[in-house]
């Protein structure tokens, strides 16, 4: 959700100076609600697997996770928020493989 908010906010900033910004902002506004609660769903799933929610939330994210998410912020802020759609396409259209999940862990 924070990445979507960042892309939406940056798109709004560019409206009037960038030809894609208004359409991208409109798209993100329509889809932002779809992303609500995904973090809670993941925490619920981990609890079902025996991993305590408090343990997950207390743990610092791995450098791989920080790099994956942090790079998206970089592209959104320093290049163009449309780059976020590529990340979404990969994550939504091609779920992570077990190997990627192990790398992120």
N, C-alpha and C. Protein backbone atom coordinates (compact mmCIF):
# COMPACT_ATOMS: atom_id res chain seq x y z
N UNK A 1 0.81 -1.20 0.00
CA UNK A 1 0.00 0.00 0.00
C UNK A 1 0.86 1.27 0.00
N UNK A 2 1.93 1.34 0.78
CA UNK A 2 2.75 2.55 0.76
C UNK A 2 3.35 2.84 -0.61
N UNK A 3 3.72 1.80 -1.35
CA UNK A 3 4.27 2.04 -2.69
C UNK A 3 3.20 2.62 -3.61
N UNK A 4 2.00 2.08 -3.52
CA UNK A 4 0.91 2.60 -4.34
C UNK A 4 0.64 4.06 -3.98
N UNK A 5 0.63 4.36 -2.69
CA UNK A 5 0.43 5.74 -2.25
C UNK A 5 1.54 6.66 -2.77
N UNK A 6 2.77 6.16 -2.75
CA UNK A 6 3.89 6.97 -3.25
C UNK A 6 3.73 7.25 -4.75
N UNK A 7 3.36 6.22 -5.51
CA UNK A 7 3.16 6.41 -6.95
C UNK A 7 1.99 7.36 -7.22
N UNK A 8 0.93 7.22 -6.46
CA UNK A 8 -0.22 8.10 -6.61
C UNK A 8 0.15 9.55 -6.27
N UNK A 9 0.83 9.74 -5.16
CA UNK A 9 1.24 11.08 -4.76
C UNK A 9 2.15 11.74 -5.78
N UNK A 10 3.12 10.98 -6.28
CA UNK A 10 4.05 11.53 -7.27
C UNK A 10 3.31 11.84 -8.58
N UNK A 11 2.38 10.98 -8.96
CA UNK A 11 1.59 11.23 -10.17
C UNK A 11 0.81 12.53 -10.04
N UNK A 12 0.21 12.72 -8.89
CA UNK A 12 -0.55 13.96 -8.65
C UNK A 12 0.35 15.20 -8.75
N UNK A 13 1.59 15.07 -8.25
CA UNK A 13 2.53 16.19 -8.33
C UNK A 13 2.86 16.56 -9.77
N UNK A 14 2.86 15.56 -10.64
CA UNK A 14 3.26 15.78 -12.03
C UNK A 14 2.12 16.22 -12.94
N UNK A 15 0.88 16.16 -12.44
CA UNK A 15 -0.25 16.56 -13.26
C UNK A 15 -0.04 18.01 -13.72
N UNK A 16 -0.26 18.22 -15.00
CA UNK A 16 -0.08 19.54 -15.59
C UNK A 16 1.27 19.75 -16.24
N UNK A 17 2.24 18.90 -15.86
CA UNK A 17 3.58 19.02 -16.45
C UNK A 17 4.00 17.74 -17.16
N UNK A 18 3.23 16.68 -17.01
CA UNK A 18 3.58 15.39 -17.61
C UNK A 18 2.34 14.80 -18.27
N UNK A 19 2.47 14.33 -19.51
CA UNK A 19 1.29 13.84 -20.23
C UNK A 19 0.68 12.55 -19.67
N UNK A 20 1.42 11.78 -18.92
CA UNK A 20 0.90 10.51 -18.36
C UNK A 20 0.32 10.67 -16.95
N UNK A 21 0.69 11.73 -16.28
CA UNK A 21 0.42 11.85 -14.85
C UNK A 21 -1.06 11.78 -14.49
N UNK A 22 -1.91 12.50 -15.19
CA UNK A 22 -3.33 12.51 -14.84
C UNK A 22 -3.96 11.13 -15.02
N UNK A 23 -3.65 10.48 -16.13
CA UNK A 23 -4.21 9.14 -16.38
C UNK A 23 -3.68 8.14 -15.36
N UNK A 24 -2.40 8.23 -15.03
CA UNK A 24 -1.82 7.32 -14.04
C UNK A 24 -2.44 7.56 -12.66
N UNK A 25 -2.59 8.80 -12.28
CA UNK A 25 -3.20 9.12 -10.99
C UNK A 25 -4.62 8.57 -10.94
N UNK A 26 -5.36 8.73 -12.00
CA UNK A 26 -6.73 8.22 -12.07
C UNK A 26 -6.75 6.70 -11.92
N UNK A 27 -5.86 6.03 -12.64
CA UNK A 27 -5.77 4.56 -12.55
C UNK A 27 -5.44 4.13 -11.12
N UNK A 28 -4.46 4.75 -10.53
CA UNK A 28 -4.05 4.37 -9.17
C UNK A 28 -5.15 4.65 -8.15
N UNK A 29 -5.87 5.76 -8.32
CA UNK A 29 -6.99 6.07 -7.43
C UNK A 29 -8.06 4.98 -7.49
N UNK A 30 -8.31 4.45 -8.68
CA UNK A 30 -9.32 3.40 -8.85
C UNK A 30 -8.88 2.08 -8.22
N UNK A 31 -7.57 1.83 -8.22
CA UNK A 31 -7.08 0.52 -7.78
C UNK A 31 -6.47 0.51 -6.38
N UNK A 32 -6.36 1.65 -5.75
CA UNK A 32 -5.71 1.71 -4.45
C UNK A 32 -6.44 0.86 -3.41
N UNK A 33 -7.75 0.82 -3.47
CA UNK A 33 -8.52 0.03 -2.50
C UNK A 33 -8.26 -1.47 -2.62
N UNK A 34 -7.88 -1.92 -3.82
CA UNK A 34 -7.58 -3.35 -4.03
C UNK A 34 -6.38 -3.79 -3.20
N UNK A 35 -5.51 -2.86 -2.89
CA UNK A 35 -4.28 -3.20 -2.16
C UNK A 35 -4.45 -3.18 -0.65
N UNK A 36 -5.55 -2.60 -0.18
CA UNK A 36 -5.78 -2.52 1.25
C UNK A 36 -5.86 -3.90 1.89
N UNK A 37 -5.17 -4.08 2.99
CA UNK A 37 -5.28 -5.31 3.76
C UNK A 37 -4.36 -6.45 3.33
N UNK A 38 -3.59 -6.28 2.25
CA UNK A 38 -2.70 -7.37 1.83
C UNK A 38 -1.67 -7.70 2.91
N UNK A 39 -1.19 -6.70 3.61
CA UNK A 39 -0.22 -6.95 4.67
C UNK A 39 -0.84 -7.76 5.80
N UNK A 40 -2.09 -7.44 6.15
CA UNK A 40 -2.78 -8.19 7.20
C UNK A 40 -3.05 -9.63 6.76
N UNK A 41 -3.39 -9.82 5.50
CA UNK A 41 -3.61 -11.17 4.97
C UNK A 41 -2.34 -12.00 5.07
N UNK A 42 -1.22 -11.39 4.73
CA UNK A 42 0.06 -12.08 4.81
C UNK A 42 0.39 -12.45 6.26
N UNK A 43 0.17 -11.52 7.18
CA UNK A 43 0.42 -11.81 8.59
C UNK A 43 -0.50 -12.92 9.09
N UNK A 44 -1.75 -12.92 8.65
CA UNK A 44 -2.68 -14.00 9.02
C UNK A 44 -2.19 -15.35 8.49
N UNK A 45 -1.72 -15.36 7.24
CA UNK A 45 -1.21 -16.60 6.65
C UNK A 45 0.00 -17.12 7.42
N UNK A 46 0.89 -16.21 7.79
CA UNK A 46 2.07 -16.63 8.55
C UNK A 46 1.68 -17.19 9.91
N UNK A 47 0.67 -16.59 10.54
CA UNK A 47 0.20 -17.11 11.82
C UNK A 47 -0.33 -18.53 11.67
N UNK A 48 -1.03 -18.79 10.56
CA UNK A 48 -1.52 -20.15 10.31
C UNK A 48 -0.37 -21.14 10.17
N UNK A 49 0.77 -20.64 9.71
CA UNK A 49 1.96 -21.49 9.56
C UNK A 49 2.78 -21.57 10.84
N UNK A 50 2.30 -20.89 11.90
CA UNK A 50 2.98 -20.96 13.18
C UNK A 50 3.99 -19.86 13.45
N UNK A 51 3.99 -18.83 12.61
CA UNK A 51 4.90 -17.71 12.81
C UNK A 51 4.11 -16.57 13.46
N UNK A 52 4.50 -16.21 14.65
CA UNK A 52 3.77 -15.19 15.41
C UNK A 52 3.86 -13.83 14.74
N UNK A 53 2.74 -13.16 14.71
CA UNK A 53 2.63 -11.82 14.11
C UNK A 53 3.64 -10.86 14.76
N UNK A 54 3.74 -10.88 16.08
CA UNK A 54 4.67 -9.99 16.79
C UNK A 54 6.11 -10.24 16.36
N UNK A 55 6.44 -11.50 16.13
CA UNK A 55 7.80 -11.84 15.71
C UNK A 55 8.10 -11.26 14.34
N UNK A 56 7.15 -11.36 13.44
CA UNK A 56 7.33 -10.82 12.09
C UNK A 56 7.50 -9.31 12.14
N UNK A 57 6.64 -8.65 12.89
CA UNK A 57 6.67 -7.19 12.94
C UNK A 57 7.90 -6.64 13.67
N UNK A 58 8.48 -7.43 14.57
CA UNK A 58 9.65 -6.99 15.31
C UNK A 58 10.94 -7.18 14.53
N UNK A 59 10.90 -8.02 13.51
CA UNK A 59 12.11 -8.36 12.77
C UNK A 59 12.41 -7.30 11.70
N UNK A 60 13.66 -6.91 11.62
CA UNK A 60 14.08 -5.97 10.58
C UNK A 60 14.03 -6.68 9.23
N UNK A 61 13.49 -6.04 8.19
CA UNK A 61 13.46 -6.67 6.87
C UNK A 61 14.88 -6.97 6.38
N UNK A 62 14.99 -8.00 5.58
CA UNK A 62 16.29 -8.36 5.04
C UNK A 62 16.76 -7.31 4.04
N UNK A 63 18.07 -7.27 3.78
CA UNK A 63 18.57 -6.34 2.75
C UNK A 63 17.95 -6.60 1.37
N UNK A 64 17.63 -7.85 1.07
CA UNK A 64 17.02 -8.16 -0.23
C UNK A 64 15.63 -7.53 -0.34
N UNK A 65 14.86 -7.61 0.73
CA UNK A 65 13.52 -7.00 0.73
C UNK A 65 13.65 -5.49 0.66
N UNK A 66 14.56 -4.92 1.44
CA UNK A 66 14.76 -3.48 1.42
C UNK A 66 15.17 -3.01 0.01
N UNK A 67 16.03 -3.77 -0.65
CA UNK A 67 16.46 -3.41 -2.00
C UNK A 67 15.31 -3.51 -2.99
N UNK A 68 14.51 -4.56 -2.86
CA UNK A 68 13.37 -4.76 -3.77
C UNK A 68 12.38 -3.61 -3.65
N UNK A 69 11.98 -3.30 -2.43
CA UNK A 69 10.99 -2.25 -2.20
C UNK A 69 11.62 -0.86 -2.38
N UNK A 70 12.80 -0.69 -1.85
CA UNK A 70 13.46 0.61 -1.94
C UNK A 70 13.72 1.05 -3.37
N UNK A 71 14.05 0.11 -4.23
CA UNK A 71 14.28 0.48 -5.62
C UNK A 71 13.01 1.02 -6.26
N UNK A 72 11.86 0.52 -5.85
CA UNK A 72 10.60 1.03 -6.39
C UNK A 72 10.38 2.48 -5.99
N UNK A 73 10.69 2.80 -4.73
CA UNK A 73 10.59 4.20 -4.30
C UNK A 73 11.52 5.07 -5.14
N UNK A 74 12.72 4.58 -5.39
CA UNK A 74 13.67 5.35 -6.19
C UNK A 74 13.09 5.66 -7.57
N UNK A 75 12.59 4.62 -8.26
CA UNK A 75 12.04 4.82 -9.61
C UNK A 75 10.84 5.77 -9.59
N UNK A 76 9.97 5.61 -8.59
CA UNK A 76 8.78 6.46 -8.49
C UNK A 76 9.17 7.92 -8.28
N UNK A 77 10.10 8.18 -7.38
CA UNK A 77 10.44 9.55 -7.00
C UNK A 77 11.43 10.20 -7.97
N UNK A 78 12.42 9.43 -8.42
CA UNK A 78 13.51 10.03 -9.19
C UNK A 78 13.41 9.84 -10.69
N UNK A 79 12.50 8.97 -11.14
CA UNK A 79 12.34 8.81 -12.58
C UNK A 79 10.91 9.15 -12.97
N UNK A 80 10.02 8.20 -12.80
CA UNK A 80 8.60 8.45 -13.14
C UNK A 80 7.75 7.39 -12.44
N UNK A 81 6.60 7.77 -11.88
CA UNK A 81 5.76 6.82 -11.16
C UNK A 81 5.19 5.71 -12.03
N UNK A 82 5.20 5.88 -13.35
CA UNK A 82 4.71 4.81 -14.23
C UNK A 82 5.57 3.55 -14.09
N UNK A 83 6.82 3.71 -13.64
CA UNK A 83 7.70 2.56 -13.43
C UNK A 83 7.10 1.58 -12.42
N UNK A 84 6.29 2.09 -11.51
CA UNK A 84 5.63 1.24 -10.52
C UNK A 84 4.75 0.18 -11.18
N UNK A 85 4.17 0.51 -12.32
CA UNK A 85 3.30 -0.46 -13.00
C UNK A 85 4.06 -1.69 -13.45
N UNK A 86 5.32 -1.53 -13.80
CA UNK A 86 6.14 -2.70 -14.16
C UNK A 86 6.31 -3.63 -12.98
N UNK A 87 6.58 -3.07 -11.82
CA UNK A 87 6.71 -3.86 -10.60
C UNK A 87 5.41 -4.60 -10.30
N UNK A 88 4.29 -3.87 -10.41
CA UNK A 88 2.98 -4.48 -10.15
C UNK A 88 2.72 -5.61 -11.14
N UNK A 89 3.03 -5.40 -12.40
CA UNK A 89 2.79 -6.43 -13.42
C UNK A 89 3.57 -7.71 -13.10
N UNK A 90 4.80 -7.54 -12.68
CA UNK A 90 5.61 -8.72 -12.34
C UNK A 90 5.06 -9.40 -11.10
N UNK A 91 4.79 -8.64 -10.06
CA UNK A 91 4.34 -9.24 -8.80
C UNK A 91 2.94 -9.84 -8.91
N UNK A 92 2.05 -9.20 -9.66
CA UNK A 92 0.69 -9.70 -9.78
C UNK A 92 0.58 -10.77 -10.85
N UNK A 93 1.31 -10.60 -11.94
CA UNK A 93 1.20 -11.53 -13.06
C UNK A 93 2.11 -12.73 -12.98
N UNK A 94 3.18 -12.58 -12.22
CA UNK A 94 4.16 -13.64 -12.09
C UNK A 94 4.55 -13.75 -10.62
N UNK A 95 3.74 -14.47 -9.85
CA UNK A 95 4.04 -14.56 -8.41
C UNK A 95 5.46 -15.08 -8.17
N UNK A 96 6.04 -14.69 -7.06
CA UNK A 96 7.41 -15.10 -6.76
C UNK A 96 7.57 -16.62 -6.74
N UNK A 97 8.68 -17.07 -7.28
CA UNK A 97 9.01 -18.50 -7.26
C UNK A 97 9.49 -18.87 -5.86
N UNK A 98 9.49 -20.15 -5.55
CA UNK A 98 10.06 -20.56 -4.26
C UNK A 98 11.50 -20.09 -4.08
N UNK A 99 12.26 -20.07 -5.17
CA UNK A 99 13.66 -19.61 -5.10
C UNK A 99 13.72 -18.13 -4.71
N UNK A 100 12.87 -17.31 -5.30
CA UNK A 100 12.85 -15.89 -4.94
C UNK A 100 12.42 -15.70 -3.50
N UNK A 101 11.45 -16.46 -3.07
CA UNK A 101 11.01 -16.37 -1.68
C UNK A 101 12.15 -16.71 -0.74
N UNK A 102 12.91 -17.75 -1.06
CA UNK A 102 14.08 -18.12 -0.23
C UNK A 102 15.12 -16.99 -0.23
N UNK A 103 15.34 -16.38 -1.38
CA UNK A 103 16.28 -15.27 -1.47
C UNK A 103 15.83 -14.11 -0.59
N UNK A 104 14.54 -13.78 -0.66
CA UNK A 104 14.03 -12.68 0.14
C UNK A 104 14.08 -12.98 1.63
N UNK A 105 13.84 -14.25 1.99
CA UNK A 105 13.94 -14.63 3.40
C UNK A 105 15.37 -14.43 3.89
